[in-house]
């Protein structure tokens, strides 16, 4: 915050951008590259650098360190490469693997006791009418689900079945 203030970039828009991008400066165009690099989030640092730094620290640690590995865009290959590197570098342990979720919660803020949301023209004019429209939509969705019947194509894991698709 101090560096952004020093550069004249700290304002309400920056605060909202930081909230929207989960604290990451990377997608904000007006922030200089050197500031982005200095304040990278844990998910923006490549996992192999976390392992390399831990391997160098471990020399000075008697027992072991609790290394959290942060990984954006986790894949089987990336996980395999990271944990093999940790083993090759002689790390005694890794602690938690932290990955980004596949979905994100909607971001909204509360200001003056109200949700900070953009209302459509209909909602702005008819306030409570929006709530009844939402209730009607929810009721219609429930009726549609009830009418469609139970799902029969759901495959469950067969622990005793070696051909189980989930276990492959």
C-alpha atoms as a PDB file:
ATOM      1  CA  UNK A   1       0.000   0.000   0.000  1.00  0.00           C
ATOM      2  CA  UNK A   2       2.868   2.365   0.859  1.00  0.00           C
ATOM      3  CA  UNK A   3       4.531   1.815  -2.514  1.00  0.00           C
ATOM      4  CA  UNK A   4       1.256   2.282  -4.381  1.00  0.00           C
ATOM      5  CA  UNK A   5       0.607   5.503  -2.440  1.00  0.00           C
ATOM      6  CA  UNK A   6       4.142   6.698  -3.197  1.00  0.00           C
ATOM      7  CA  UNK A   7       3.471   6.150  -6.906  1.00  0.00           C
ATOM      8  CA  UNK A   8       0.102   7.913  -6.693  1.00  0.00           C
ATOM      9  CA  UNK A   9      -1.770   4.693  -7.556  1.00  0.00           C
ATOM     10  CA  UNK A  10      -3.621   4.135  -4.286  1.00  0.00           C
ATOM     11  CA  UNK A  11      -7.294   5.030  -4.764  1.00  0.00           C
ATOM     12  CA  UNK A  12     -10.746   3.444  -4.511  1.00  0.00           C
ATOM     13  CA  UNK A  13     -10.363   1.814  -7.928  1.00  0.00           C
ATOM     14  CA  UNK A  14      -7.081   0.164  -6.834  1.00  0.00           C
ATOM     15  CA  UNK A  15      -8.739  -1.146  -3.667  1.00  0.00           C
ATOM     16  CA  UNK A  16     -11.582  -2.648  -5.725  1.00  0.00           C
ATOM     17  CA  UNK A  17      -9.104  -4.105  -8.247  1.00  0.00           C
ATOM     18  CA  UNK A  18      -7.114  -5.757  -5.461  1.00  0.00           C
ATOM     19  CA  UNK A  19     -10.284  -7.257  -4.006  1.00  0.00           C
ATOM     20  CA  UNK A  20     -11.432  -8.429  -7.424  1.00  0.00           C
ATOM     21  CA  UNK A  21      -8.076 -10.038  -8.276  1.00  0.00           C
ATOM     22  CA  UNK A  22      -7.625 -11.660  -4.818  1.00  0.00           C
ATOM     23  CA  UNK A  23      -4.729  -9.391  -3.875  1.00  0.00           C
ATOM     24  CA  UNK A  24      -2.788  -9.925  -7.081  1.00  0.00           C
ATOM     25  CA  UNK A  25      -1.206  -6.916  -8.771  1.00  0.00           C
ATOM     26  CA  UNK A  26      -0.337  -8.913 -11.896  1.00  0.00           C
ATOM     27  CA  UNK A  27      -3.548  -8.274 -13.890  1.00  0.00           C
ATOM     28  CA  UNK A  28      -3.686  -4.545 -13.037  1.00  0.00           C
ATOM     29  CA  UNK A  29      -2.214  -2.712 -16.038  1.00  0.00           C
ATOM     30  CA  UNK A  30      -1.339   0.575 -14.337  1.00  0.00           C
ATOM     31  CA  UNK A  31       1.001  -1.067 -11.777  1.00  0.00           C
ATOM     32  CA  UNK A  32       4.683  -1.044 -12.878  1.00  0.00           C
ATOM     33  CA  UNK A  33       6.351  -4.423 -13.533  1.00  0.00           C
ATOM     34  CA  UNK A  34       8.941  -3.985 -10.763  1.00  0.00           C
ATOM     35  CA  UNK A  35       6.176  -3.500  -8.168  1.00  0.00           C
ATOM     36  CA  UNK A  36       4.312  -6.541  -9.536  1.00  0.00           C
ATOM     37  CA  UNK A  37       7.465  -8.664  -9.212  1.00  0.00           C
ATOM     38  CA  UNK A  38       8.218  -7.386  -5.707  1.00  0.00           C
ATOM     39  CA  UNK A  39       4.708  -8.134  -4.420  1.00  0.00           C
ATOM     40  CA  UNK A  40       3.897 -11.397  -6.204  1.00  0.00           C
ATOM     41  CA  UNK A  41       1.417 -13.636  -4.400  1.00  0.00           C
ATOM     42  CA  UNK A  42       2.457 -17.132  -3.327  1.00  0.00           C
ATOM     43  CA  UNK A  43       0.518 -18.565  -6.275  1.00  0.00           C
ATOM     44  CA  UNK A  44       2.466 -16.362  -8.716  1.00  0.00           C
ATOM     45  CA  UNK A  45       5.838 -17.753  -7.588  1.00  0.00           C
ATOM     46  CA  UNK A  46       6.679 -20.978  -9.427  1.00  0.00           C
ATOM     47  CA  UNK A  47       6.574 -23.997  -7.105  1.00  0.00           C
ATOM     48  CA  UNK A  48      10.103 -25.099  -8.034  1.00  0.00           C
ATOM     49  CA  UNK A  49      11.463 -21.836  -6.577  1.00  0.00           C
ATOM     50  CA  UNK A  50       9.645 -22.548  -3.313  1.00  0.00           C
ATOM     51  CA  UNK A  51      11.302 -25.974  -3.206  1.00  0.00           C
ATOM     52  CA  UNK A  52      14.741 -24.578  -4.113  1.00  0.00           C
ATOM     53  CA  UNK A  53      14.519 -21.920  -1.383  1.00  0.00           C
ATOM     54  CA  UNK A  54      13.408 -24.524   1.167  1.00  0.00           C
ATOM     55  CA  UNK A  55      16.303 -26.797   0.193  1.00  0.00           C
ATOM     56  CA  UNK A  56      18.793 -23.989   0.846  1.00  0.00           C
ATOM     57  CA  UNK A  57      17.182 -23.094   4.202  1.00  0.00           C
ATOM     58  CA  UNK A  58      17.052 -26.687   5.374  1.00  0.00           C
ATOM     59  CA  UNK A  59      20.826 -26.820   5.803  1.00  0.00           C
ATOM     60  CA  UNK A  60      20.421 -24.517   8.795  1.00  0.00           C
ATOM     61  CA  UNK A  61      17.394 -26.260  10.338  1.00  0.00           C
ATOM     62  CA  UNK A  62      17.905 -29.091  12.844  1.00  0.00           C
ATOM     63  CA  UNK A  63      14.717 -31.046  12.234  1.00  0.00           C
ATOM     64  CA  UNK A  64      12.513 -30.012   9.323  1.00  0.00           C
ATOM     65  CA  UNK A  65      10.496 -27.104   8.055  1.00  0.00           C
ATOM     66  CA  UNK A  66       6.808 -26.996   7.214  1.00  0.00           C
ATOM     67  CA  UNK A  67       6.948 -26.101   3.540  1.00  0.00           C
ATOM     68  CA  UNK A  68       3.627 -25.141   1.997  1.00  0.00           C
ATOM     69  CA  UNK A  69       3.649 -25.538  -1.769  1.00  0.00           C
ATOM     70  CA  UNK A  70       1.419 -23.049  -3.598  1.00  0.00           C
ATOM     71  CA  UNK A  71       0.487 -24.011  -7.131  1.00  0.00           C
ATOM     72  CA  UNK A  72      -1.681 -22.288  -9.704  1.00  0.00           C
ATOM     73  CA  UNK A  73      -2.866 -24.514 -12.526  1.00  0.00           C
ATOM     74  CA  UNK A  74      -1.952 -27.797 -10.855  1.00  0.00           C
ATOM     75  CA  UNK A  75      -1.592 -30.807 -13.123  1.00  0.00           C
ATOM     76  CA  UNK A  76      -0.357 -34.332 -12.578  1.00  0.00           C
ATOM     77  CA  UNK A  77       2.950 -33.555 -14.327  1.00  0.00           C
ATOM     78  CA  UNK A  78       3.486 -30.344 -12.375  1.00  0.00           C
ATOM     79  CA  UNK A  79       2.782 -32.122  -9.072  1.00  0.00           C
ATOM     80  CA  UNK A  80       5.076 -35.009 -10.014  1.00  0.00           C
ATOM     81  CA  UNK A  81       7.903 -32.660 -11.036  1.00  0.00           C
ATOM     82  CA  UNK A  82       7.555 -30.552  -7.876  1.00  0.00           C
ATOM     83  CA  UNK A  83       7.530 -33.452  -5.425  1.00  0.00           C
ATOM     84  CA  UNK A  84      10.376 -35.238  -7.238  1.00  0.00           C
ATOM     85  CA  UNK A  85      12.411 -32.035  -7.029  1.00  0.00           C
ATOM     86  CA  UNK A  86      11.697 -31.818  -3.293  1.00  0.00           C
ATOM     87  CA  UNK A  87      12.911 -35.388  -2.885  1.00  0.00           C
ATOM     88  CA  UNK A  88      16.031 -34.820  -5.022  1.00  0.00           C
ATOM     89  CA  UNK A  89      16.906 -31.682  -3.039  1.00  0.00           C
ATOM     90  CA  UNK A  90      16.701 -33.677   0.185  1.00  0.00           C
ATOM     91  CA  UNK A  91      13.713 -31.977   1.765  1.00  0.00           C
ATOM     92  CA  UNK A  92      12.661 -33.915   4.838  1.00  0.00           C
ATOM     93  CA  UNK A  93       9.015 -33.003   4.430  1.00  0.00           C
ATOM     94  CA  UNK A  94       6.482 -30.921   2.582  1.00  0.00           C
ATOM     95  CA  UNK A  95       3.497 -29.756   4.550  1.00  0.00           C
ATOM     96  CA  UNK A  96       0.434 -28.649   2.602  1.00  0.00           C
ATOM     97  CA  UNK A  97      -0.221 -28.377  -1.088  1.00  0.00           C
ATOM     98  CA  UNK A  98      -2.287 -25.264  -1.729  1.00  0.00           C
ATOM     99  CA  UNK A  99      -3.924 -24.908  -5.135  1.00  0.00           C
ATOM    100  CA  UNK A 100      -6.328 -22.400  -6.616  1.00  0.00           C
ATOM    101  CA  UNK A 101      -9.930 -23.557  -6.711  1.00  0.00           C
ATOM    102  CA  UNK A 102     -11.661 -24.349  -9.963  1.00  0.00           C
ATOM    103  CA  UNK A 103     -14.397 -21.855  -9.139  1.00  0.00           C
ATOM    104  CA  UNK A 104     -14.430 -18.561  -7.309  1.00  0.00           C
ATOM    105  CA  UNK A 105     -17.023 -16.987  -5.072  1.00  0.00           C
ATOM    106  CA  UNK A 106     -18.762 -13.879  -6.313  1.00  0.00           C
ATOM    107  CA  UNK A 107     -17.083 -10.816  -4.878  1.00  0.00           C
ATOM    108  CA  UNK A 108     -19.236  -8.103  -3.406  1.00  0.00           C
ATOM    109  CA  UNK A 109     -18.784  -5.532  -0.695  1.00  0.00           C
ATOM    110  CA  UNK A 110     -21.085  -3.930   1.796  1.00  0.00           C
ATOM    111  CA  UNK A 111     -21.243  -0.167   1.958  1.00  0.00           C
ATOM    112  CA  UNK A 112     -23.524   1.807   4.281  1.00  0.00           C
ATOM    113  CA  UNK A 113     -25.436  -1.323   5.253  1.00  0.00           C
ATOM    114  CA  UNK A 114     -26.314  -2.279   1.642  1.00  0.00           C
ATOM    115  CA  UNK A 115     -24.780  -4.614  -0.855  1.00  0.00           C
ATOM    116  CA  UNK A 116     -22.580  -2.821  -3.364  1.00  0.00           C
ATOM    117  CA  UNK A 117     -24.226  -4.200  -6.482  1.00  0.00           C
ATOM    118  CA  UNK A 118     -25.355  -2.852  -9.805  1.00  0.00           C
ATOM    119  CA  UNK A 119     -29.136  -2.927 -10.088  1.00  0.00           C
ATOM    120  CA  UNK A 120     -30.922  -3.387 -13.375  1.00  0.00           C
ATOM    121  CA  UNK A 121     -33.395  -0.733 -14.470  1.00  0.00           C
ATOM    122  CA  UNK A 122     -36.339  -2.895 -13.350  1.00  0.00           C
ATOM    123  CA  UNK A 123     -34.813  -3.471  -9.900  1.00  0.00           C
ATOM    124  CA  UNK A 124     -33.964   0.179  -9.456  1.00  0.00           C
ATOM    125  CA  UNK A 125     -37.570   1.162 -10.147  1.00  0.00           C
ATOM    126  CA  UNK A 126     -39.378  -1.673  -8.378  1.00  0.00           C
ATOM    127  CA  UNK A 127     -37.072  -2.655  -5.434  1.00  0.00           C
ATOM    128  CA  UNK A 128     -39.233  -5.399  -3.866  1.00  0.00           C
ATOM    129  CA  UNK A 129     -40.408  -6.580  -7.281  1.00  0.00           C
ATOM    130  CA  UNK A 130     -36.898  -7.898  -7.886  1.00  0.00           C
ATOM    131  CA  UNK A 131     -37.166 -10.070  -4.784  1.00  0.00           C
ATOM    132  CA  UNK A 132     -40.498 -11.566  -5.926  1.00  0.00           C
ATOM    133  CA  UNK A 133     -39.055 -12.171  -9.411  1.00  0.00           C
ATOM    134  CA  UNK A 134     -36.138 -14.003  -7.802  1.00  0.00           C
ATOM    135  CA  UNK A 135     -38.532 -16.119  -5.720  1.00  0.00           C
ATOM    136  CA  UNK A 136     -40.554 -16.948  -8.845  1.00  0.00           C
ATOM    137  CA  UNK A 137     -37.402 -17.984 -10.709  1.00  0.00           C
ATOM    138  CA  UNK A 138     -36.326 -20.202  -7.797  1.00  0.00           C
ATOM    139  CA  UNK A 139     -39.769 -21.860  -7.675  1.00  0.00           C
ATOM    140  CA  UNK A 140     -39.682 -22.487 -11.447  1.00  0.00           C
ATOM    141  CA  UNK A 141     -36.229 -24.057 -11.155  1.00  0.00           C
ATOM    142  CA  UNK A 142     -37.428 -26.360  -8.342  1.00  0.00           C
ATOM    143  CA  UNK A 143     -40.430 -27.464 -10.434  1.00  0.00           C
ATOM    144  CA  UNK A 144     -38.190 -28.159 -13.421  1.00  0.00           C
ATOM    145  CA  UNK A 145     -35.841 -30.289 -11.306  1.00  0.00           C
ATOM    146  CA  UNK A 146     -38.760 -32.233  -9.822  1.00  0.00           C
ATOM    147  CA  UNK A 147     -40.263 -32.851 -13.279  1.00  0.00           C
ATOM    148  CA  UNK A 148     -37.014 -34.152 -14.769  1.00  0.00           C
ATOM    149  CA  UNK A 149     -36.870 -37.090 -12.355  1.00  0.00           C
ATOM    150  CA  UNK A 150     -33.802 -38.630 -10.768  1.00  0.00           C
ATOM    151  CA  UNK A 151     -30.516 -38.678 -12.620  1.00  0.00           C
ATOM    152  CA  UNK A 152     -29.694 -42.219 -13.699  1.00  0.00           C
ATOM    153  CA  UNK A 153     -26.402 -41.665 -15.482  1.00  0.00           C
ATOM    154  CA  UNK A 154     -24.357 -40.836 -12.379  1.00  0.00           C
ATOM    155  CA  UNK A 155     -21.370 -43.157 -12.023  1.00  0.00           C
ATOM    156  CA  UNK A 156     -20.098 -43.887  -8.557  1.00  0.00           C
ATOM    157  CA  UNK A 157     -16.644 -45.088  -7.656  1.00  0.00           C
ATOM    158  CA  UNK A 158     -16.446 -48.886  -7.415  1.00  0.00           C
ATOM    159  CA  UNK A 159     -13.582 -49.407  -4.975  1.00  0.00           C
ATOM    160  CA  UNK A 160     -13.563 -53.153  -5.647  1.00  0.00           C
ATOM    161  CA  UNK A 161     -13.843 -52.707  -9.424  1.00  0.00           C
ATOM    162  CA  UNK A 162     -10.388 -52.263 -11.089  1.00  0.00           C
ATOM    163  CA  UNK A 163     -12.037 -50.921 -14.252  1.00  0.00           C
ATOM    164  CA  UNK A 164     -13.652 -48.044 -12.317  1.00  0.00           C
ATOM    165  CA  UNK A 165     -13.185 -44.838 -14.305  1.00  0.00           C
ATOM    166  CA  UNK A 166     -12.730 -42.763 -11.127  1.00  0.00           C
ATOM    167  CA  UNK A 167      -9.823 -44.927  -9.979  1.00  0.00           C
ATOM    168  CA  UNK A 168      -7.821 -44.758 -13.190  1.00  0.00           C
END
